[in-house]
Amino acid sequence: DANVVCRQLGCGRAVRAHGNAAFGRGHGPILRDEVGCEGHERNLWEC
C-alpha cells in the first residue's frame, strides 16, 4: 500500500509503512480501511 502512495507522489518507493498515528492524529473523515494494494496500482483509488 505504501509503495503505491510513494510512487503516486513521485517519492520513489516505500521505506517504511507506519500505523498507530506515527505522524500524529489526523482530522476529518476516515476515508479508507483495509486497503489491499498489490503494489502495481497507479494510484491509491485503484486498490
All heavy atoms as atom14 arrays in JSON, in Angstrom:
{
  "sequence": "DANVVCRQLGCGRAVRAHGNAAFGRGHGPILRDEVGCEGHERNLWEC",
  "atom14_mask": [
    [1, 1, 1, 1, 1, 1, 1, 1, 0, 0, 0, 0, 0, 0],
    [1, 1, 1, 1, 1, 0, 0, 0, 0, 0, 0, 0, 0, 0],
    [1, 1, 1, 1, 1, 1, 1, 1, 0, 0, 0, 0, 0, 0],
    [1, 1, 1, 1, 1, 1, 1, 0, 0, 0, 0, 0, 0, 0],
    [1, 1, 1, 1, 1, 1, 1, 0, 0, 0, 0, 0, 0, 0],
    [1, 1, 1, 1, 1, 1, 0, 0, 0, 0, 0, 0, 0, 0],
    [1, 1, 1, 1, 1, 1, 1, 1, 1, 1, 1, 0, 0, 0],
    [1, 1, 1, 1, 1, 1, 1, 1, 1, 0, 0, 0, 0, 0],
    [1, 1, 1, 1, 1, 1, 1, 1, 0, 0, 0, 0, 0, 0],
    [1, 1, 1, 1, 0, 0, 0, 0, 0, 0, 0, 0, 0, 0],
    [1, 1, 1, 1, 1, 1, 0, 0, 0, 0, 0, 0, 0, 0],
    [1, 1, 1, 1, 0, 0, 0, 0, 0, 0, 0, 0, 0, 0],
    [1, 1, 1, 1, 1, 1, 1, 1, 1, 1, 1, 0, 0, 0],
    [1, 1, 1, 1, 1, 0, 0, 0, 0, 0, 0, 0, 0, 0],
    [1, 1, 1, 1, 1, 1, 1, 0, 0, 0, 0, 0, 0, 0],
    [1, 1, 1, 1, 1, 1, 1, 1, 1, 1, 1, 0, 0, 0],
    [1, 1, 1, 1, 1, 0, 0, 0, 0, 0, 0, 0, 0, 0],
    [1, 1, 1, 1, 1, 1, 1, 1, 1, 1, 0, 0, 0, 0],
    [1, 1, 1, 1, 0, 0, 0, 0, 0, 0, 0, 0, 0, 0],
    [1, 1, 1, 1, 1, 1, 1, 1, 0, 0, 0, 0, 0, 0],
    [1, 1, 1, 1, 1, 0, 0, 0, 0, 0, 0, 0, 0, 0],
    [1, 1, 1, 1, 1, 0, 0, 0, 0, 0, 0, 0, 0, 0],
    [1, 1, 1, 1, 1, 1, 1, 1, 1, 1, 1, 0, 0, 0],
    [1, 1, 1, 1, 0, 0, 0, 0, 0, 0, 0, 0, 0, 0],
    [1, 1, 1, 1, 1, 1, 1, 1, 1, 1, 1, 0, 0, 0],
    [1, 1, 1, 1, 0, 0, 0, 0, 0, 0, 0, 0, 0, 0],
    [1, 1, 1, 1, 1, 1, 1, 1, 1, 1, 0, 0, 0, 0],
    [1, 1, 1, 1, 0, 0, 0, 0, 0, 0, 0, 0, 0, 0],
    [1, 1, 1, 1, 1, 1, 1, 0, 0, 0, 0, 0, 0, 0],
    [1, 1, 1, 1, 1, 1, 1, 1, 0, 0, 0, 0, 0, 0],
    [1, 1, 1, 1, 1, 1, 1, 1, 0, 0, 0, 0, 0, 0],
    [1, 1, 1, 1, 1, 1, 1, 1, 1, 1, 1, 0, 0, 0],
    [1, 1, 1, 1, 1, 1, 1, 1, 0, 0, 0, 0, 0, 0],
    [1, 1, 1, 1, 1, 1, 1, 1, 1, 0, 0, 0, 0, 0],
    [1, 1, 1, 1, 1, 1, 1, 0, 0, 0, 0, 0, 0, 0],
    [1, 1, 1, 1, 0, 0, 0, 0, 0, 0, 0, 0, 0, 0],
    [1, 1, 1, 1, 1, 1, 0, 0, 0, 0, 0, 0, 0, 0],
    [1, 1, 1, 1, 1, 1, 1, 1, 1, 0, 0, 0, 0, 0],
    [1, 1, 1, 1, 0, 0, 0, 0, 0, 0, 0, 0, 0, 0],
    [1, 1, 1, 1, 1, 1, 1, 1, 1, 1, 0, 0, 0, 0],
    [1, 1, 1, 1, 1, 1, 1, 1, 1, 0, 0, 0, 0, 0],
    [1, 1, 1, 1, 1, 1, 1, 1, 1, 1, 1, 0, 0, 0],
    [1, 1, 1, 1, 1, 1, 1, 1, 0, 0, 0, 0, 0, 0],
    [1, 1, 1, 1, 1, 1, 1, 1, 0, 0, 0, 0, 0, 0],
    [1, 1, 1, 1, 1, 1, 1, 1, 1, 1, 1, 1, 1, 1],
    [1, 1, 1, 1, 1, 1, 1, 1, 1, 0, 0, 0, 0, 0],
    [1, 1, 1, 1, 1, 1, 0, 0, 0, 0, 0, 0, 0, 0]
  ],
  "atom14_positions": [
    [[0.85, -1.21, 0.0], [0.0, 0.0, 0.0], [0.88, 1.25, 0.0], [0.64, 2.2, -0.76], [-0.9, 0.01, 1.24], [-1.71, -1.26, 1.4], [-2.2, -1.78, 0.38], [-1.84, -1.75, 2.54], [0.0, 0.0, 0.0], [0.0, 0.0, 0.0], [0.0, 0.0, 0.0], [0.0, 0.0, 0.0], [0.0, 0.0, 0.0], [0.0, 0.0, 0.0]],
    [[1.9, 1.24, 0.86], [2.79, 2.4, 0.98], [3.53, 2.65, -0.33], [3.76, 3.8, -0.71], [3.77, 2.17, 2.13], [0.0, 0.0, 0.0], [0.0, 0.0, 0.0], [0.0, 0.0, 0.0], [0.0, 0.0, 0.0], [0.0, 0.0, 0.0], [0.0, 0.0, 0.0], [0.0, 0.0, 0.0], [0.0, 0.0, 0.0], [0.0, 0.0, 0.0]],
    [[3.92, 1.59, -1.03], [4.61, 1.73, -2.31], [3.77, 2.48, -3.33], [4.28, 3.32, -4.09], [4.97, 0.35, -2.88], [6.42, -0.02, -2.61], [7.29, 0.83, -2.63], [6.65, -1.28, -2.32], [0.0, 0.0, 0.0], [0.0, 0.0, 0.0], [0.0, 0.0, 0.0], [0.0, 0.0, 0.0], [0.0, 0.0, 0.0], [0.0, 0.0, 0.0]],
    [[2.49, 2.17, -3.38], [1.59, 2.85, -4.32], [1.52, 4.34, -4.0], [1.59, 5.2, -4.9], [0.18, 2.2, -4.29], [-0.81, 3.02, -5.11], [0.25, 0.77, -4.82], [0.0, 0.0, 0.0], [0.0, 0.0, 0.0], [0.0, 0.0, 0.0], [0.0, 0.0, 0.0], [0.0, 0.0, 0.0], [0.0, 0.0, 0.0], [0.0, 0.0, 0.0]],
    [[1.43, 4.67, -2.71], [1.38, 6.08, -2.29], [2.67, 6.8, -2.7], [2.63, 7.88, -3.29], [1.15, 6.17, -0.77], [1.39, 7.6, -0.27], [-0.25, 5.71, -0.41], [0.0, 0.0, 0.0], [0.0, 0.0, 0.0], [0.0, 0.0, 0.0], [0.0, 0.0, 0.0], [0.0, 0.0, 0.0], [0.0, 0.0, 0.0], [0.0, 0.0, 0.0]],
    [[3.82, 6.19, -2.4], [5.1, 6.85, -2.71], [5.26, 7.07, -4.21], [5.66, 8.15, -4.65], [6.27, 6.01, -2.19], [6.39, 5.97, -0.38], [0.0, 0.0, 0.0], [0.0, 0.0, 0.0], [0.0, 0.0, 0.0], [0.0, 0.0, 0.0], [0.0, 0.0, 0.0], [0.0, 0.0, 0.0], [0.0, 0.0, 0.0], [0.0, 0.0, 0.0]],
    [[4.91, 6.06, -5.0], [5.05, 6.19, -6.44], [4.1, 7.25, -6.99], [4.47, 8.06, -7.85], [4.83, 4.84, -7.11], [5.35, 4.8, -8.55], [5.41, 3.4, -9.11], [4.12, 2.75, -9.08], [3.85, 1.67, -8.34], [4.76, 1.11, -7.58], [2.65, 1.14, -8.37], [0.0, 0.0, 0.0], [0.0, 0.0, 0.0], [0.0, 0.0, 0.0]],
    [[2.87, 7.26, -6.48], [1.88, 8.24, -6.94], [2.36, 9.67, -6.68], [2.09, 10.58, -7.47], [0.54, 7.99, -6.23], [-0.6, 8.86, -6.75], [-1.92, 8.56, -6.04], [-2.06, 7.54, -5.37], [-2.88, 9.46, -6.17], [0.0, 0.0, 0.0], [0.0, 0.0, 0.0], [0.0, 0.0, 0.0], [0.0, 0.0, 0.0], [0.0, 0.0, 0.0]],
    [[3.08, 9.88, -5.6], [3.55, 11.22, -5.23], [4.91, 11.57, -5.83], [5.45, 12.63, -5.57], [3.62, 11.34, -3.7], [2.28, 11.32, -2.98], [2.48, 11.23, -1.48], [1.45, 12.55, -3.33], [0.0, 0.0, 0.0], [0.0, 0.0, 0.0], [0.0, 0.0, 0.0], [0.0, 0.0, 0.0], [0.0, 0.0, 0.0], [0.0, 0.0, 0.0]],
    [[5.48, 10.66, -6.63], [6.8, 10.9, -7.2], [7.88, 10.87, -6.14], [8.89, 11.58, -6.24], [0.0, 0.0, 0.0], [0.0, 0.0, 0.0], [0.0, 0.0, 0.0], [0.0, 0.0, 0.0], [0.0, 0.0, 0.0], [0.0, 0.0, 0.0], [0.0, 0.0, 0.0], [0.0, 0.0, 0.0], [0.0, 0.0, 0.0], [0.0, 0.0, 0.0]],
    [[7.69, 10.03, -5.12], [8.61, 9.98, -3.98], [9.39, 8.67, -3.94], [9.88, 8.26, -2.88], [7.84, 10.16, -2.68], [7.31, 11.87, -2.41], [0.0, 0.0, 0.0], [0.0, 0.0, 0.0], [0.0, 0.0, 0.0], [0.0, 0.0, 0.0], [0.0, 0.0, 0.0], [0.0, 0.0, 0.0], [0.0, 0.0, 0.0], [0.0, 0.0, 0.0]],
    [[9.49, 7.99, -5.07], [10.26, 6.75, -5.1], [9.45, 5.57, -4.59], [8.28, 5.43, -4.89], [0.0, 0.0, 0.0], [0.0, 0.0, 0.0], [0.0, 0.0, 0.0], [0.0, 0.0, 0.0], [0.0, 0.0, 0.0], [0.0, 0.0, 0.0], [0.0, 0.0, 0.0], [0.0, 0.0, 0.0], [0.0, 0.0, 0.0], [0.0, 0.0, 0.0]],
    [[10.11, 4.75, -3.76], [9.44, 3.57, -3.22], [9.29, 3.72, -1.71], [9.9, 4.61, -1.11], [10.25, 2.31, -3.55], [11.63, 2.38, -3.0], [12.53, 1.21, -3.34], [13.88, 1.49, -2.89], [14.29, 1.43, -1.63], [13.43, 1.09, -0.66], [15.53, 1.72, -1.3], [0.0, 0.0, 0.0], [0.0, 0.0, 0.0], [0.0, 0.0, 0.0]],
    [[8.52, 2.85, -1.11], [8.31, 2.92, 0.34], [9.51, 2.35, 1.08], [10.06, 1.32, 0.7], [7.05, 2.17, 0.73], [0.0, 0.0, 0.0], [0.0, 0.0, 0.0], [0.0, 0.0, 0.0], [0.0, 0.0, 0.0], [0.0, 0.0, 0.0], [0.0, 0.0, 0.0], [0.0, 0.0, 0.0], [0.0, 0.0, 0.0], [0.0, 0.0, 0.0]],
    [[9.93, 3.03, 2.13], [10.96, 2.53, 3.03], [10.31, 1.96, 4.29], [10.74, 0.97, 4.83], [11.95, 3.66, 3.4], [13.02, 3.14, 4.34], [12.59, 4.25, 2.15], [0.0, 0.0, 0.0], [0.0, 0.0, 0.0], [0.0, 0.0, 0.0], [0.0, 0.0, 0.0], [0.0, 0.0, 0.0], [0.0, 0.0, 0.0], [0.0, 0.0, 0.0]],
    [[9.22, 2.63, 4.74], [8.5, 2.16, 5.92], [7.01, 2.42, 5.75], [6.61, 3.43, 5.17], [8.98, 2.89, 7.19], [10.37, 2.48, 7.64], [10.66, 2.95, 9.06], [11.03, 4.35, 9.11], [12.26, 4.82, 8.88], [13.23, 4.0, 8.56], [12.52, 6.1, 8.97], [0.0, 0.0, 0.0], [0.0, 0.0, 0.0], [0.0, 0.0, 0.0]],
    [[6.21, 1.5, 6.25], [4.75, 1.69, 6.33], [4.39, 1.78, 7.8], [4.65, 0.86, 8.57], [4.03, 0.5, 5.68], [0.0, 0.0, 0.0], [0.0, 0.0, 0.0], [0.0, 0.0, 0.0], [0.0, 0.0, 0.0], [0.0, 0.0, 0.0], [0.0, 0.0, 0.0], [0.0, 0.0, 0.0], [0.0, 0.0, 0.0], [0.0, 0.0, 0.0]],
    [[3.83, 2.91, 8.2], [3.56, 3.16, 9.63], [2.06, 3.08, 9.93], [1.22, 3.46, 9.12], [4.03, 4.56, 10.02], [5.5, 4.65, 10.26], [6.14, 4.01, 11.28], [6.47, 5.36, 9.6], [7.44, 4.29, 11.25], [7.66, 5.1, 10.22], [0.0, 0.0, 0.0], [0.0, 0.0, 0.0], [0.0, 0.0, 0.0], [0.0, 0.0, 0.0]],
    [[1.75, 2.61, 11.13], [0.39, 2.67, 11.66], [0.39, 3.44, 12.96], [1.35, 4.12, 13.3], [0.0, 0.0, 0.0], [0.0, 0.0, 0.0], [0.0, 0.0, 0.0], [0.0, 0.0, 0.0], [0.0, 0.0, 0.0], [0.0, 0.0, 0.0], [0.0, 0.0, 0.0], [0.0, 0.0, 0.0], [0.0, 0.0, 0.0], [0.0, 0.0, 0.0]],
    [[-0.72, 3.33, 13.69], [-0.85, 3.91, 15.03], [-0.52, 5.41, 15.08], [0.11, 5.88, 16.02], [0.06, 3.18, 16.03], [-0.3, 1.71, 16.13], [-1.47, 1.35, 16.06], [0.7, 0.84, 16.26], [0.0, 0.0, 0.0], [0.0, 0.0, 0.0], [0.0, 0.0, 0.0], [0.0, 0.0, 0.0], [0.0, 0.0, 0.0], [0.0, 0.0, 0.0]],
    [[-0.96, 6.13, 14.05], [-0.8, 7.59, 14.01], [0.64, 8.01, 14.32], [0.89, 8.89, 15.14], [-1.78, 8.27, 14.98], [0.0, 0.0, 0.0], [0.0, 0.0, 0.0], [0.0, 0.0, 0.0], [0.0, 0.0, 0.0], [0.0, 0.0, 0.0], [0.0, 0.0, 0.0], [0.0, 0.0, 0.0], [0.0, 0.0, 0.0], [0.0, 0.0, 0.0]],
    [[1.6, 7.37, 13.65], [3.02, 7.66, 13.88], [3.35, 9.13, 13.61], [4.29, 9.67, 14.19], [3.88, 6.76, 13.0], [0.0, 0.0, 0.0], [0.0, 0.0, 0.0], [0.0, 0.0, 0.0], [0.0, 0.0, 0.0], [0.0, 0.0, 0.0], [0.0, 0.0, 0.0], [0.0, 0.0, 0.0], [0.0, 0.0, 0.0], [0.0, 0.0, 0.0]],
    [[2.59, 9.78, 12.74], [2.82, 11.19, 12.42], [1.75, 12.09, 13.03], [1.47, 13.18, 12.54], [2.89, 11.39, 10.9], [4.05, 10.67, 10.27], [3.86, 9.44, 9.65], [5.32, 11.19, 10.33], [4.93, 8.75, 9.09], [6.4, 10.51, 9.77], [6.2, 9.3, 9.15], [0.0, 0.0, 0.0], [0.0, 0.0, 0.0], [0.0, 0.0, 0.0]],
    [[1.15, 11.62, 14.1], [0.1, 12.38, 14.76], [-1.28, 12.01, 14.22], [-1.4, 11.38, 13.17], [0.0, 0.0, 0.0], [0.0, 0.0, 0.0], [0.0, 0.0, 0.0], [0.0, 0.0, 0.0], [0.0, 0.0, 0.0], [0.0, 0.0, 0.0], [0.0, 0.0, 0.0], [0.0, 0.0, 0.0], [0.0, 0.0, 0.0], [0.0, 0.0, 0.0]],
    [[-2.3, 12.38, 14.97], [-3.67, 12.07, 14.58], [-4.18, 13.09, 13.58], [-4.0, 14.29, 13.77], [-4.57, 12.04, 15.81], [-4.17, 10.97, 16.81], [-5.1, 10.95, 17.99], [-4.62, 9.98, 18.98], [-5.37, 9.5, 19.97], [-6.62, 9.88, 20.1], [-4.86, 8.64, 20.83], [0.0, 0.0, 0.0], [0.0, 0.0, 0.0], [0.0, 0.0, 0.0]],
    [[-4.82, 12.59, 12.54], [-5.39, 13.48, 11.54], [-6.76, 13.99, 11.96], [-7.22, 13.76, 13.08], [0.0, 0.0, 0.0], [0.0, 0.0, 0.0], [0.0, 0.0, 0.0], [0.0, 0.0, 0.0], [0.0, 0.0, 0.0], [0.0, 0.0, 0.0], [0.0, 0.0, 0.0], [0.0, 0.0, 0.0], [0.0, 0.0, 0.0], [0.0, 0.0, 0.0]],
    [[-7.4, 14.67, 11.04], [-8.75, 15.21, 11.28], [-9.64, 14.8, 10.11], [-9.17, 14.29, 9.11], [-8.69, 16.74, 11.39], [-7.74, 17.21, 12.44], [-8.02, 17.18, 13.78], [-6.47, 17.7, 12.32], [-6.98, 17.62, 14.46], [-6.02, 17.95, 13.6], [0.0, 0.0, 0.0], [0.0, 0.0, 0.0], [0.0, 0.0, 0.0], [0.0, 0.0, 0.0]],
    [[-10.91, 15.08, 10.26], [-11.83, 14.8, 9.17], [-12.2, 13.32, 9.13], [-11.88, 12.55, 10.04], [0.0, 0.0, 0.0], [0.0, 0.0, 0.0], [0.0, 0.0, 0.0], [0.0, 0.0, 0.0], [0.0, 0.0, 0.0], [0.0, 0.0, 0.0], [0.0, 0.0, 0.0], [0.0, 0.0, 0.0], [0.0, 0.0, 0.0], [0.0, 0.0, 0.0]],
    [[-12.86, 12.91, 8.06], [-13.34, 11.53, 7.97], [-12.2, 10.54, 7.74], [-11.13, 10.92, 7.25], [-14.27, 11.57, 6.76], [-13.75, 12.7, 5.91], [-13.21, 13.72, 6.87], [0.0, 0.0, 0.0], [0.0, 0.0, 0.0], [0.0, 0.0, 0.0], [0.0, 0.0, 0.0], [0.0, 0.0, 0.0], [0.0, 0.0, 0.0], [0.0, 0.0, 0.0]],
    [[-12.42, 9.3, 8.11], [-11.51, 8.22, 7.76], [-12.09, 7.59, 6.49], [-13.17, 7.0, 6.5], [-11.41, 7.2, 8.91], [-10.76, 7.89, 10.11], [-10.6, 5.99, 8.48], [-10.85, 7.14, 11.42], [0.0, 0.0, 0.0], [0.0, 0.0, 0.0], [0.0, 0.0, 0.0], [0.0, 0.0, 0.0], [0.0, 0.0, 0.0], [0.0, 0.0, 0.0]],
    [[-11.38, 7.78, 5.38], [-11.95, 7.51, 4.06], [-11.66, 6.1, 3.54], [-12.3, 5.66, 2.59], [-11.45, 8.54, 3.05], [-11.9, 9.99, 3.34], [-11.18, 10.95, 2.41], [-13.4, 10.12, 3.19], [0.0, 0.0, 0.0], [0.0, 0.0, 0.0], [0.0, 0.0, 0.0], [0.0, 0.0, 0.0], [0.0, 0.0, 0.0], [0.0, 0.0, 0.0]],
    [[-10.68, 5.42, 4.11], [-10.34, 4.08, 3.64], [-9.96, 3.2, 4.83], [-9.32, 3.66, 5.77], [-9.14, 4.09, 2.68], [-9.38, 4.77, 1.34], [-10.14, 3.85, 0.38], [-10.22, 4.4, -0.97], [-11.0, 5.4, -1.33], [-11.75, 6.01, -0.45], [-11.04, 5.79, -2.59], [0.0, 0.0, 0.0], [0.0, 0.0, 0.0], [0.0, 0.0, 0.0]],
    [[-10.32, 1.91, 4.74], [-9.92, 0.94, 5.74], [-9.61, -0.36, 4.99], [-10.09, -0.56, 3.86], [-11.05, 0.72, 6.76], [-10.63, -0.14, 7.93], [-9.4, -0.33, 8.13], [-11.51, -0.63, 8.65], [0.0, 0.0, 0.0], [0.0, 0.0, 0.0], [0.0, 0.0, 0.0], [0.0, 0.0, 0.0], [0.0, 0.0, 0.0], [0.0, 0.0, 0.0]],
    [[-8.79, -1.2, 5.6], [-8.47, -2.5, 4.98], [-8.01, -2.32, 3.52], [-8.44, -3.04, 2.62], [-9.69, -3.44, 5.03], [-10.18, -3.74, 6.43], [-9.28, -4.69, 7.21], [-8.3, -5.2, 6.63], [-9.56, -4.9, 8.4], [0.0, 0.0, 0.0], [0.0, 0.0, 0.0], [0.0, 0.0, 0.0], [0.0, 0.0, 0.0], [0.0, 0.0, 0.0]],
    [[-7.12, -1.35, 3.31], [-6.58, -1.14, 1.96], [-5.79, -2.37, 1.54], [-5.01, -2.92, 2.33], [-5.69, 0.12, 1.91], [-5.06, 0.29, 0.53], [-6.51, 1.36, 2.28], [0.0, 0.0, 0.0], [0.0, 0.0, 0.0], [0.0, 0.0, 0.0], [0.0, 0.0, 0.0], [0.0, 0.0, 0.0], [0.0, 0.0, 0.0], [0.0, 0.0, 0.0]],
    [[-6.01, -2.83, 0.31], [-5.37, -4.06, -0.14], [-4.68, -3.93, -1.49], [-4.96, -4.7, -2.42], [0.0, 0.0, 0.0], [0.0, 0.0, 0.0], [0.0, 0.0, 0.0], [0.0, 0.0, 0.0], [0.0, 0.0, 0.0], [0.0, 0.0, 0.0], [0.0, 0.0, 0.0], [0.0, 0.0, 0.0], [0.0, 0.0, 0.0], [0.0, 0.0, 0.0]],
    [[-3.75, -2.96, -1.6], [-3.0, -2.82, -2.86], [-2.1, -4.04, -3.07], [-1.61, -4.63, -2.11], [-2.1, -1.58, -2.83], [-2.91, -0.02, -2.47], [0.0, 0.0, 0.0], [0.0, 0.0, 0.0], [0.0, 0.0, 0.0], [0.0, 0.0, 0.0], [0.0, 0.0, 0.0], [0.0, 0.0, 0.0], [0.0, 0.0, 0.0], [0.0, 0.0, 0.0]],
    [[-1.88, -4.37, -4.34], [-0.89, -5.39, -4.65], [0.49, -4.75, -4.87], [1.5, -5.43, -4.81], [-1.31, -6.18, -5.89], [-2.52, -7.06, -5.62], [-2.97, -7.82, -6.85], [-2.16, -7.96, -7.8], [-4.12, -8.27, -6.86], [0.0, 0.0, 0.0], [0.0, 0.0, 0.0], [0.0, 0.0, 0.0], [0.0, 0.0, 0.0], [0.0, 0.0, 0.0]],
    [[0.5, -3.45, -5.14], [1.76, -2.73, -5.29], [2.01, -2.18, -6.67], [2.84, -1.3, -6.85], [0.0, 0.0, 0.0], [0.0, 0.0, 0.0], [0.0, 0.0, 0.0], [0.0, 0.0, 0.0], [0.0, 0.0, 0.0], [0.0, 0.0, 0.0], [0.0, 0.0, 0.0], [0.0, 0.0, 0.0], [0.0, 0.0, 0.0], [0.0, 0.0, 0.0]],
    [[1.28, -2.7, -7.67], [1.49, -2.25, -9.05], [0.51, -1.15, -9.46], [0.63, -0.58, -10.54], [1.33, -3.43, -10.02], [-0.01, -4.09, -9.92], [-1.15, -3.54, -10.46], [-0.39, -5.24, -9.3], [-2.19, -4.32, -10.19], [-1.76, -5.37, -9.48], [0.0, 0.0, 0.0], [0.0, 0.0, 0.0], [0.0, 0.0, 0.0], [0.0, 0.0, 0.0]],
    [[-0.48, -0.86, -8.61], [-1.52, 0.11, -8.98], [-0.92, 1.5, -9.2], [0.06, 1.88, -8.56], [-2.58, 0.19, -7.87], [-3.41, -1.09, -7.72], [-2.78, -2.12, -6.77], [-1.64, -1.92, -6.33], [-3.46, -3.11, -6.48], [0.0, 0.0, 0.0], [0.0, 0.0, 0.0], [0.0, 0.0, 0.0], [0.0, 0.0, 0.0], [0.0, 0.0, 0.0]],
    [[-1.53, 2.26, -10.12], [-1.02, 3.59, -10.42], [-1.36, 4.59, -9.33], [-0.68, 5.58, -9.14], [-1.58, 4.09, -11.76], [-0.91, 3.47, -12.97], [-1.69, 3.78, -14.21], [-3.11, 3.44, -14.03], [-4.05, 3.59, -14.94], [-3.73, 4.1, -16.11], [-5.3, 3.24, -14.7], [0.0, 0.0, 0.0], [0.0, 0.0, 0.0], [0.0, 0.0, 0.0]],
    [[-2.47, 4.38, -8.64], [-2.82, 5.27, -7.53], [-3.66, 4.54, -6.49], [-4.13, 3.42, -6.73], [-3.54, 6.54, -8.04], [-4.81, 6.2, -8.77], [-5.7, 5.54, -8.22], [-4.92, 6.64, -10.02], [0.0, 0.0, 0.0], [0.0, 0.0, 0.0], [0.0, 0.0, 0.0], [0.0, 0.0, 0.0], [0.0, 0.0, 0.0], [0.0, 0.0, 0.0]],
    [[-3.83, 5.18, -5.36], [-4.48, 4.55, -4.21], [-5.94, 4.21, -4.48], [-6.48, 3.26, -3.91], [-4.34, 5.46, -2.99], [-4.54, 4.84, -1.61], [-3.58, 3.68, -1.38], [-4.38, 5.89, -0.53], [0.0, 0.0, 0.0], [0.0, 0.0, 0.0], [0.0, 0.0, 0.0], [0.0, 0.0, 0.0], [0.0, 0.0, 0.0], [0.0, 0.0, 0.0]],
    [[-6.6, 4.98, -5.38], [-8.02, 4.72, -5.62], [-8.24, 3.38, -6.32], [-9.33, 2.83, -6.26], [-8.66, 5.82, -6.48], [-8.01, 7.16, -6.35], [-7.33, 7.83, -7.32], [-7.97, 7.99, -5.19], [-6.85, 9.02, -6.83], [-7.23, 9.15, -5.53], [-8.48, 7.87, -3.9], [-7.0, 10.18, -4.63], [-8.23, 8.89, -2.99], [-7.51, 10.02, -3.37]],
    [[-7.22, 2.88, -7.02], [-7.38, 1.61, -7.74], [-7.33, 0.41, -6.8], [-7.68, -0.7, -7.19], [-6.26, 1.46, -8.78], [-6.38, 2.42, -9.95], [-5.29, 2.18, -11.0], [-4.53, 1.21, -10.86], [-5.22, 2.98, -11.94], [0.0, 0.0, 0.0], [0.0, 0.0, 0.0], [0.0, 0.0, 0.0], [0.0, 0.0, 0.0], [0.0, 0.0, 0.0]],
    [[-6.86, 0.62, -5.58], [-6.71, -0.51, -4.64], [-8.04, -0.83, -3.97], [-8.79, 0.08, -3.62], [-5.7, -0.15, -3.57], [-4.07, 0.29, -4.21], [0.0, 0.0, 0.0], [0.0, 0.0, 0.0], [0.0, 0.0, 0.0], [0.0, 0.0, 0.0], [0.0, 0.0, 0.0], [0.0, 0.0, 0.0], [0.0, 0.0, 0.0], [0.0, 0.0, 0.0]]
  ]
}
